[in-house]
Amino acid sequence: MAERLRVALLSYRSKPTCGGQGVYLRHISRELVALGHHVEVFSGQPYPELDEGVILNKVPSLDLYNDDDPFRTPKLGEYRDWIDALEVGTMWTAGFPEPLTFSLRVRRELKKRQGDFDVVQDNQTLGYGMLGIKKYFPVVGTIHHPISVDRRIELEAAKGWKKLSMRRWYGFVRMQSFVAPRLSPILTVSESSLADIHRDFGVPEDNMRLIPLGVDTRFFHPRPELPKRPGSIVAVASADSPMKGVATLLRATAKLATERDVHLTVVSKPTPGGPTESLVAELSLGDRVTFVHGISDDELAELIATSEVSVVPSLYEGFSLPAVEHMASGTPLVASRTGALPEVVGDAAIQVEPGDPEELAAVLRRLLDSPEEREAVGRKGYDRVMERYAWPVVAQRTVEAYREAIAAHTAR
């Protein structure tokens, strides 16, 4: 049996049900433990849901972006040190502090535990504190896609003074572009992301390892015993992020709603009174769209498997775990022809131009009218997942990257 590794997994925020980072953390940690390794997770809020055998070390921030009280002002007694002051000061000046402040806090924690771990894996924090952690441990970086792409898309969508505040919000991207080339190796999930990281962050291509994400087939699988809901469409996407294309999907749904009984379920929590809720009202979709959040893996998997059609309408994706989950469930998928999505779905989904509600509505209309095409597309998606995307394989390849980093660190 190969040598047992002691692994520290780092994630500055780990929302359990959406956003990708918390989902990845749960699955990779579980599969690493299944391979016989010792795994401890260090995370800021929101904390992840983890499976048995994985240890969670909470690294609390001031939780300034809590869903129930975003951009809150902490009470004086909540301040513990200069990092807390830095966190609040950055927020008050319109920046996003969490990648930096988490990296500083976790550096302090890991300094106390020299000798406890063989390798550290950073899950897309890329804060300056990671360079301090490198003094004590080999550090493997993970970049699902560079946030520089989000920044570019959000700036294109912003107008007036919002463009200036958006530039400030994404100020941490400069830090990430400095840290990323200094970690080795960098793990990423698609050829598309690899090219974007090389272009935007300057990471040499030979310092990156391509390891696609997996899908948890314990939950995401076809459920032929359950009836499909007629006219049902499902999407798992951050509702208020322009990059996720929910506005395009809402406009396409509005076109379909004028001619047929159709219902869209979006797995996300839109900001009350925010852009997505406003668009739903503008399009008179109140009785045709449902937003759900906080549901279990089993409830999410059942929702996807009982929908007639699933959609990933993004303007960009570095991988898209929801796309793989939709395909694993046997639900026919319509996906944007952008970023890594063509690479992920291949010919097992119907691809459309991102940001085009007319084309999306036409494809959804065709699928909803054709049980035969839905069955054929769903079957191709399921077969593709079974051939390519499984978490045990992802974990084994990740361990190979760990051993490479350990050997290089030892040589230095």
Protein backbone atom coordinates (compact mmCIF):
# COMPACT_ATOMS: atom_id res chain seq x y z
CA MET A 1 0.00 0.00 0.00
CA ALA A 2 1.24 3.52 -0.87
CA GLU A 3 2.39 5.76 1.96
CA ARG A 4 -0.43 7.44 3.89
CA LEU A 5 -0.40 11.21 3.48
CA ARG A 6 -1.46 13.87 5.98
CA VAL A 7 -3.34 16.50 3.97
CA ALA A 8 -4.51 20.01 4.89
CA LEU A 9 -7.24 21.33 2.57
CA LEU A 10 -7.79 25.10 2.65
CA SER A 11 -10.89 27.01 1.52
CA TYR A 12 -11.68 30.61 2.42
CA ARG A 13 -15.43 30.00 2.04
CA SER A 14 -17.14 26.66 1.52
CA LYS A 15 -20.86 27.06 0.88
CA PRO A 16 -22.18 23.50 0.94
CA THR A 17 -24.74 23.58 -1.88
CA CYS A 18 -23.58 26.07 -4.50
CA GLY A 19 -20.59 28.09 -5.64
CA GLY A 20 -18.43 25.06 -6.40
CA GLN A 21 -15.76 25.45 -3.70
CA GLY A 22 -17.72 23.79 -0.86
CA VAL A 23 -18.99 21.05 -3.16
CA TYR A 24 -15.48 20.27 -4.39
CA LEU A 25 -14.11 20.29 -0.84
CA ARG A 26 -16.66 17.78 0.41
CA HIS A 27 -16.12 15.28 -2.37
CA ILE A 28 -12.34 15.44 -2.67
CA SER A 29 -11.91 15.15 1.12
CA ARG A 30 -14.23 12.14 1.31
CA GLU A 31 -12.45 10.32 -1.50
CA LEU A 32 -8.99 11.08 -0.10
CA VAL A 33 -10.06 9.51 3.21
CA ALA A 34 -11.45 6.52 1.29
CA LEU A 35 -7.97 6.07 -0.21
CA GLY A 36 -6.55 5.86 3.32
CA HIS A 37 -5.17 9.39 3.78
CA HIS A 38 -5.59 11.67 6.82
CA VAL A 39 -7.47 14.84 5.82
CA GLU A 40 -8.14 18.04 7.75
CA VAL A 41 -10.08 20.94 6.26
CA PHE A 42 -9.38 24.55 7.25
CA SER A 43 -12.27 26.81 6.21
CA GLY A 44 -13.80 30.19 6.79
CA GLN A 45 -17.55 30.81 6.84
CA PRO A 46 -19.79 29.50 5.45
CA TYR A 47 -18.40 26.21 6.67
CA PRO A 48 -18.62 23.07 4.52
CA GLU A 49 -20.61 19.91 5.05
CA LEU A 50 -18.07 17.10 5.34
CA ASP A 51 -18.36 13.34 5.45
CA GLU A 52 -17.29 10.99 8.22
CA GLY A 53 -13.54 10.74 8.72
CA VAL A 54 -12.74 14.32 7.62
CA ILE A 55 -11.71 16.79 10.35
CA LEU A 56 -12.98 20.39 10.13
CA ASN A 57 -10.84 23.18 11.59
CA LYS A 58 -12.89 26.38 11.62
CA VAL A 59 -10.96 29.55 10.76
CA PRO A 60 -13.59 32.17 11.55
CA SER A 61 -13.69 35.53 9.85
CA LEU A 62 -16.02 38.33 10.92
CA ASP A 63 -18.52 36.80 8.44
CA LEU A 64 -19.21 40.15 6.79
CA TYR A 65 -21.02 38.55 3.84
CA ASN A 66 -23.44 36.32 5.74
CA ASP A 67 -26.57 35.74 3.62
CA ASP A 68 -28.79 36.94 6.47
CA ASP A 69 -26.79 40.11 7.26
CA PRO A 70 -24.46 41.07 4.38
CA PHE A 71 -22.02 43.99 4.77
CA ARG A 72 -22.72 44.16 8.48
CA THR A 73 -20.79 46.40 10.88
CA PRO A 74 -19.19 44.30 13.65
CA LYS A 75 -19.54 45.36 17.27
CA LEU A 76 -16.37 46.63 18.93
CA GLY A 77 -16.08 43.50 21.10
CA GLU A 78 -15.90 41.27 17.99
CA TYR A 79 -12.48 42.57 16.93
CA ARG A 80 -9.74 40.12 17.88
CA ASP A 81 -6.65 41.39 16.06
CA TRP A 82 -5.27 43.48 13.21
CA ILE A 83 -6.51 40.99 10.60
CA ASP A 84 -10.10 41.69 11.68
CA ALA A 85 -9.45 45.43 11.32
CA LEU A 86 -8.00 44.82 7.85
CA GLU A 87 -11.07 42.78 6.90
CA VAL A 88 -13.52 45.50 7.93
CA GLY A 89 -11.42 48.31 6.46
CA THR A 90 -11.25 46.57 3.09
CA MET A 91 -15.02 46.03 3.08
CA TRP A 92 -15.67 49.66 4.04
CA THR A 93 -13.55 50.78 1.08
CA ALA A 94 -15.56 48.55 -1.33
CA GLY A 95 -12.98 45.73 -1.58
CA PHE A 96 -13.42 41.99 -1.01
CA PRO A 97 -11.05 40.98 1.81
CA GLU A 98 -11.72 37.27 2.37
CA PRO A 99 -9.02 35.63 0.21
CA LEU A 100 -6.32 37.78 1.80
CA THR A 101 -7.55 37.71 5.41
CA PHE A 102 -8.26 33.97 5.35
CA SER A 103 -4.76 33.29 3.99
CA LEU A 104 -3.23 35.33 6.83
CA ARG A 105 -5.31 33.56 9.49
CA VAL A 106 -4.66 30.06 8.15
CA ARG A 107 -0.93 30.82 7.83
CA ARG A 108 -0.93 31.58 11.56
CA GLU A 109 -2.79 28.33 12.32
CA LEU A 110 -0.53 26.14 10.19
CA LYS A 111 2.62 27.72 11.62
CA LYS A 112 1.55 26.24 14.97
CA ARG A 113 1.25 22.81 13.37
CA GLN A 114 4.57 22.37 11.61
CA GLY A 115 5.19 18.66 11.26
CA ASP A 116 1.48 17.72 11.29
CA PHE A 117 0.98 17.67 7.50
CA ASP A 118 2.83 16.34 4.47
CA VAL A 119 1.12 18.64 1.98
CA VAL A 120 -1.28 21.60 1.84
CA GLN A 121 -3.85 22.11 -0.93
CA ASP A 122 -5.26 25.60 -1.39
CA ASN A 123 -8.74 25.68 -2.91
CA GLN A 124 -8.65 28.92 -4.93
CA THR A 125 -7.73 31.33 -2.10
CA LEU A 126 -4.39 32.42 -3.61
CA GLY A 127 -3.80 34.94 -0.84
CA TYR A 128 -0.41 36.34 0.17
CA GLY A 129 -0.45 34.14 3.29
CA MET A 130 0.03 31.09 1.05
CA LEU A 131 3.56 32.27 0.33
CA GLY A 132 4.26 32.15 4.09
CA ILE A 133 2.80 28.64 4.34
CA LYS A 134 5.27 27.55 1.63
CA LYS A 135 8.06 27.99 4.18
CA TYR A 136 6.69 25.07 6.20
CA PHE A 137 4.86 22.81 3.71
CA PRO A 138 4.61 22.01 0.00
CA VAL A 139 1.55 23.91 -1.27
CA VAL A 140 -0.54 22.66 -4.19
CA GLY A 141 -2.84 25.30 -5.71
CA THR A 142 -6.28 24.68 -7.15
CA ILE A 143 -7.87 27.11 -9.62
CA HIS A 144 -11.21 26.02 -11.06
CA HIS A 145 -11.02 29.11 -13.25
CA PRO A 146 -9.26 32.46 -12.79
CA ILE A 147 -11.52 35.10 -11.19
CA SER A 148 -10.07 37.51 -13.73
CA VAL A 149 -12.72 36.12 -16.10
CA ASP A 150 -15.54 36.97 -13.65
CA ARG A 151 -14.02 40.43 -13.28
CA ARG A 152 -13.99 40.98 -17.04
CA ILE A 153 -17.63 39.90 -17.49
CA GLU A 154 -18.90 41.86 -14.47
CA LEU A 155 -17.10 45.03 -15.65
CA GLU A 156 -18.67 44.69 -19.10
CA ALA A 157 -22.12 44.47 -17.46
CA ALA A 158 -21.53 47.39 -15.04
CA LYS A 159 -22.36 50.99 -15.87
CA GLY A 160 -21.34 54.38 -14.47
CA TRP A 161 -20.06 54.50 -10.90
CA LYS A 162 -20.74 50.75 -10.52
CA LYS A 163 -17.85 50.07 -12.86
CA LEU A 164 -15.49 51.91 -10.49
CA SER A 165 -16.77 50.05 -7.41
CA MET A 166 -16.54 46.76 -9.33
CA ARG A 167 -12.87 47.41 -10.06
CA ARG A 168 -12.27 47.96 -6.36
CA TRP A 169 -14.25 44.82 -5.40
CA TYR A 170 -12.10 42.69 -7.68
CA GLY A 171 -8.84 44.21 -6.43
CA PHE A 172 -7.89 40.84 -4.91
CA VAL A 173 -7.42 39.42 -8.43
CA ARG A 174 -4.06 41.22 -8.68
CA MET A 175 -2.93 39.40 -5.52
CA GLN A 176 -4.09 36.05 -6.93
CA SER A 177 -2.19 36.66 -10.16
CA PHE A 178 0.96 37.26 -8.09
CA VAL A 179 0.55 34.19 -5.85
CA ALA A 180 -0.61 31.62 -8.44
CA PRO A 181 2.69 31.33 -10.38
CA ARG A 182 4.51 30.79 -7.07
CA LEU A 183 2.58 27.62 -6.11
CA SER A 184 3.49 24.28 -7.64
CA PRO A 185 1.78 22.50 -9.20
CA ILE A 186 -1.51 24.25 -9.97
CA LEU A 187 -4.47 21.90 -10.45
CA THR A 188 -7.22 22.95 -12.83
CA VAL A 189 -10.27 21.31 -14.30
CA SER A 190 -10.31 21.91 -18.06
CA GLU A 191 -8.19 22.88 -21.05
CA SER A 192 -10.20 26.10 -21.24
CA SER A 193 -9.33 27.04 -17.65
CA LEU A 194 -5.70 26.04 -18.19
CA ALA A 195 -5.43 28.46 -21.11
CA ASP A 196 -7.17 31.26 -19.16
CA ILE A 197 -4.90 30.77 -16.11
CA HIS A 198 -1.82 30.86 -18.31
CA ARG A 199 -3.02 34.03 -20.07
CA ASP A 200 -4.36 35.98 -17.06
CA PHE A 201 -2.20 34.74 -14.16
CA GLY A 202 1.02 33.92 -16.00
CA VAL A 203 1.24 30.34 -14.69
CA PRO A 204 3.48 28.29 -17.01
CA GLU A 205 1.51 25.55 -18.75
CA ASP A 206 4.02 22.93 -17.63
CA ASN A 207 3.28 23.87 -13.99
CA MET A 208 -0.41 22.96 -14.34
CA ARG A 209 -2.08 19.56 -14.01
CA LEU A 210 -5.46 18.96 -15.64
CA ILE A 211 -7.79 17.00 -13.32
CA PRO A 212 -11.52 17.25 -14.19
CA LEU A 213 -14.11 17.38 -11.41
CA GLY A 214 -16.20 14.34 -10.52
CA VAL A 215 -19.87 13.74 -9.79
CA ASP A 216 -21.40 12.00 -6.78
CA THR A 217 -23.38 9.23 -8.44
CA ARG A 218 -24.72 8.13 -5.05
CA PHE A 219 -27.17 11.01 -5.50
CA PHE A 220 -27.04 12.09 -9.13
CA HIS A 221 -28.41 9.28 -11.23
CA PRO A 222 -31.53 8.62 -13.30
CA ARG A 223 -34.71 7.95 -11.28
CA PRO A 224 -37.03 6.17 -13.73
CA GLU A 225 -39.41 5.24 -10.91
CA LEU A 226 -40.31 8.94 -10.46
CA PRO A 227 -42.54 10.75 -12.99
CA LYS A 228 -41.22 13.81 -14.81
CA ARG A 229 -42.98 17.12 -14.12
CA PRO A 230 -44.55 18.26 -17.42
CA GLY A 231 -43.04 21.47 -18.80
CA SER A 232 -40.35 21.58 -16.10
CA ILE A 233 -36.95 23.26 -16.62
CA VAL A 234 -34.19 23.32 -13.98
CA ALA A 235 -30.98 25.32 -13.57
CA VAL A 236 -28.40 25.39 -10.78
CA ALA A 237 -26.81 28.84 -10.98
CA SER A 238 -25.99 31.85 -8.82
CA ALA A 239 -29.04 33.99 -9.57
CA ASP A 240 -27.50 37.48 -9.37
CA SER A 241 -24.14 36.80 -11.04
CA PRO A 242 -24.22 38.11 -14.64
CA MET A 243 -21.67 35.43 -15.57
CA LYS A 244 -24.18 32.63 -14.82
CA GLY A 245 -26.65 33.81 -17.47
CA VAL A 246 -29.83 33.51 -15.40
CA ALA A 247 -31.19 36.68 -17.05
CA THR A 248 -30.91 34.99 -20.45
CA LEU A 249 -32.76 31.93 -19.14
CA LEU A 250 -35.53 34.08 -17.62
CA ARG A 251 -36.06 35.90 -20.93
CA ALA A 252 -36.19 32.59 -22.81
CA THR A 253 -38.71 31.25 -20.26
CA ALA A 254 -40.85 34.37 -20.72
CA LYS A 255 -41.02 33.69 -24.46
CA LEU A 256 -42.10 30.08 -23.84
CA ALA A 257 -44.64 31.14 -21.20
CA THR A 258 -46.67 33.04 -23.79
CA GLU A 259 -47.47 29.84 -25.65
CA ARG A 260 -47.36 26.91 -23.20
CA ASP A 261 -47.46 25.76 -19.60
CA VAL A 262 -43.81 25.87 -18.54
CA HIS A 263 -42.16 26.19 -15.14
CA LEU A 264 -38.54 27.05 -14.34
CA THR A 265 -36.85 26.12 -11.06
CA VAL A 266 -33.57 27.89 -10.28
CA VAL A 267 -31.49 26.45 -7.44
CA SER A 268 -30.23 29.69 -5.93
CA LYS A 269 -31.21 32.48 -3.55
CA PRO A 270 -31.61 35.83 -5.33
CA THR A 271 -31.02 39.04 -3.43
CA PRO A 272 -34.37 40.44 -2.23
CA GLY A 273 -35.20 43.37 -4.50
CA GLY A 274 -32.06 42.65 -6.56
CA PRO A 275 -31.64 42.44 -10.35
CA THR A 276 -33.01 38.92 -10.72
CA GLU A 277 -36.17 39.54 -8.68
CA SER A 278 -36.69 42.77 -10.62
CA LEU A 279 -36.38 40.95 -13.95
CA VAL A 280 -38.84 38.25 -12.84
CA ALA A 281 -41.37 41.00 -12.04
CA GLU A 282 -40.65 42.87 -15.28
CA LEU A 283 -41.25 39.69 -17.32
CA SER A 284 -44.39 38.78 -15.30
CA LEU A 285 -42.89 35.39 -14.41
CA GLY A 286 -43.90 35.32 -10.75
CA ASP A 287 -46.02 32.16 -11.15
CA ARG A 288 -43.65 30.52 -13.67
CA VAL A 289 -40.35 30.67 -11.75
CA THR A 290 -39.39 29.18 -8.39
CA PHE A 291 -36.10 29.79 -6.56
CA VAL A 292 -35.04 27.13 -4.07
CA HIS A 293 -32.00 27.01 -1.79
CA GLY A 294 -30.70 25.12 1.21
CA ILE A 295 -31.93 21.75 -0.05
CA SER A 296 -30.14 18.45 0.57
CA ASP A 297 -28.10 16.57 -2.04
CA ASP A 298 -30.89 14.03 -2.34
CA GLU A 299 -33.56 16.71 -2.82
CA LEU A 300 -31.43 18.47 -5.43
CA ALA A 301 -30.75 15.21 -7.27
CA GLU A 302 -34.46 14.34 -7.28
CA LEU A 303 -35.37 17.83 -8.55
CA ILE A 304 -32.93 17.48 -11.46
CA ALA A 305 -33.91 13.88 -12.29
CA THR A 306 -37.65 14.71 -12.40
CA SER A 307 -37.22 17.79 -14.64
CA GLU A 308 -37.85 17.45 -18.35
CA VAL A 309 -34.95 19.71 -19.35
CA SER A 310 -31.91 21.19 -17.57
CA VAL A 311 -29.98 24.31 -18.56
CA VAL A 312 -26.54 25.78 -17.91
CA PRO A 313 -26.98 29.27 -19.47
CA SER A 314 -23.62 30.71 -18.34
CA LEU A 315 -21.65 33.36 -20.19
CA TYR A 316 -18.50 31.53 -19.04
CA GLU A 317 -17.60 28.38 -17.09
CA GLY A 318 -14.22 27.04 -16.07
CA PHE A 319 -15.76 23.57 -15.72
CA SER A 320 -19.41 23.45 -14.47
CA LEU A 321 -20.12 20.72 -11.96
CA PRO A 322 -23.88 21.33 -12.37
CA ALA A 323 -23.56 20.35 -16.05
CA VAL A 324 -22.05 17.01 -15.05
CA GLU A 325 -24.71 16.50 -12.33
CA HIS A 326 -27.48 17.16 -14.87
CA MET A 327 -26.00 14.65 -17.30
CA ALA A 328 -25.46 12.06 -14.55
CA SER A 329 -29.16 12.34 -13.71
CA GLY A 330 -30.13 11.45 -17.28
CA THR A 331 -31.84 14.84 -17.73
CA PRO A 332 -31.28 16.31 -21.21
CA LEU A 333 -29.00 19.32 -20.99
CA VAL A 334 -28.89 22.59 -22.89
CA ALA A 335 -25.57 24.39 -22.31
CA SER A 336 -23.92 27.56 -23.52
CA ARG A 337 -21.17 27.23 -26.09
CA THR A 338 -18.57 29.02 -23.97
CA GLY A 339 -15.52 28.49 -21.75
CA ALA A 340 -15.04 24.85 -20.79
CA LEU A 341 -18.66 23.80 -21.38
CA PRO A 342 -18.13 22.43 -24.93
CA GLU A 343 -15.17 20.45 -23.58
CA VAL A 344 -17.19 19.13 -20.62
CA VAL A 345 -20.41 18.17 -22.42
CA GLY A 346 -19.01 17.18 -25.83
CA ASP A 347 -21.82 15.98 -28.10
CA ALA A 348 -23.90 14.86 -25.11
CA ALA A 349 -25.80 18.16 -24.72
CA ILE A 350 -27.38 20.71 -27.03
CA GLN A 351 -25.16 23.79 -27.20
CA VAL A 352 -26.46 27.35 -27.71
CA GLU A 353 -24.92 30.78 -28.09
CA PRO A 354 -24.40 32.37 -24.65
CA GLY A 355 -26.59 35.40 -23.95
CA ASP A 356 -29.09 34.63 -26.76
CA PRO A 357 -32.61 34.13 -25.30
CA GLU A 358 -34.14 33.59 -28.76
CA GLU A 359 -31.96 30.58 -29.57
CA LEU A 360 -32.32 29.19 -26.05
CA ALA A 361 -36.12 29.49 -26.22
CA ALA A 362 -36.18 27.74 -29.60
CA VAL A 363 -34.10 24.80 -28.33
CA LEU A 364 -36.16 24.47 -25.14
CA ARG A 365 -39.37 24.55 -27.21
CA ARG A 366 -38.05 21.78 -29.46
CA LEU A 367 -37.01 19.58 -26.53
CA LEU A 368 -40.24 20.07 -24.61
CA ASP A 369 -42.13 19.01 -27.74
CA SER A 370 -40.03 15.88 -28.35
CA PRO A 371 -39.90 13.09 -25.74
CA GLU A 372 -37.74 11.09 -28.15
CA GLU A 373 -35.05 13.78 -28.41
CA ARG A 374 -35.12 14.32 -24.64
CA GLU A 375 -34.57 10.60 -24.10
CA ALA A 376 -31.70 10.47 -26.63
CA VAL A 377 -29.88 13.55 -25.25
CA GLY A 378 -30.36 12.39 -21.66
CA ARG A 379 -28.92 8.96 -22.45
CA LYS A 380 -25.85 10.43 -24.19
CA GLY A 381 -25.21 12.70 -21.19
CA TYR A 382 -25.45 9.82 -18.73
CA ASP A 383 -23.09 7.66 -20.79
CA ARG A 384 -20.53 10.48 -21.04
CA VAL A 385 -20.47 10.97 -17.26
CA MET A 386 -20.03 7.27 -16.58
CA GLU A 387 -17.06 7.20 -18.95
CA ARG A 388 -15.26 10.36 -17.79
CA TYR A 389 -16.22 11.82 -14.40
CA ALA A 390 -15.83 9.89 -11.14
CA TRP A 391 -14.56 11.23 -7.79
CA PRO A 392 -12.32 8.24 -6.89
CA VAL A 393 -10.31 8.82 -10.07
CA VAL A 394 -10.11 12.57 -9.33
CA ALA A 395 -8.78 11.82 -5.83
CA GLN A 396 -6.15 9.37 -7.06
CA ARG A 397 -4.84 11.86 -9.62
CA THR A 398 -4.81 14.59 -6.95
CA VAL A 399 -2.66 12.37 -4.72
CA GLU A 400 -0.19 11.99 -7.59
CA ALA A 401 0.06 15.81 -7.70
CA TYR A 402 0.62 15.87 -3.92
CA ARG A 403 3.52 13.41 -4.21
CA GLU A 404 5.03 15.50 -6.99
CA ALA A 405 4.86 18.64 -4.78
CA ILE A 406 6.31 16.78 -1.78
CA ALA A 407 9.24 15.48 -3.83
CA ALA A 408 10.00 18.97 -5.20
CA HIS A 409 9.75 20.52 -1.70
CA THR A 410 12.06 17.87 -0.25
CA ALA A 411 14.60 18.44 -3.03
CA ARG A 412 14.64 22.18 -2.29
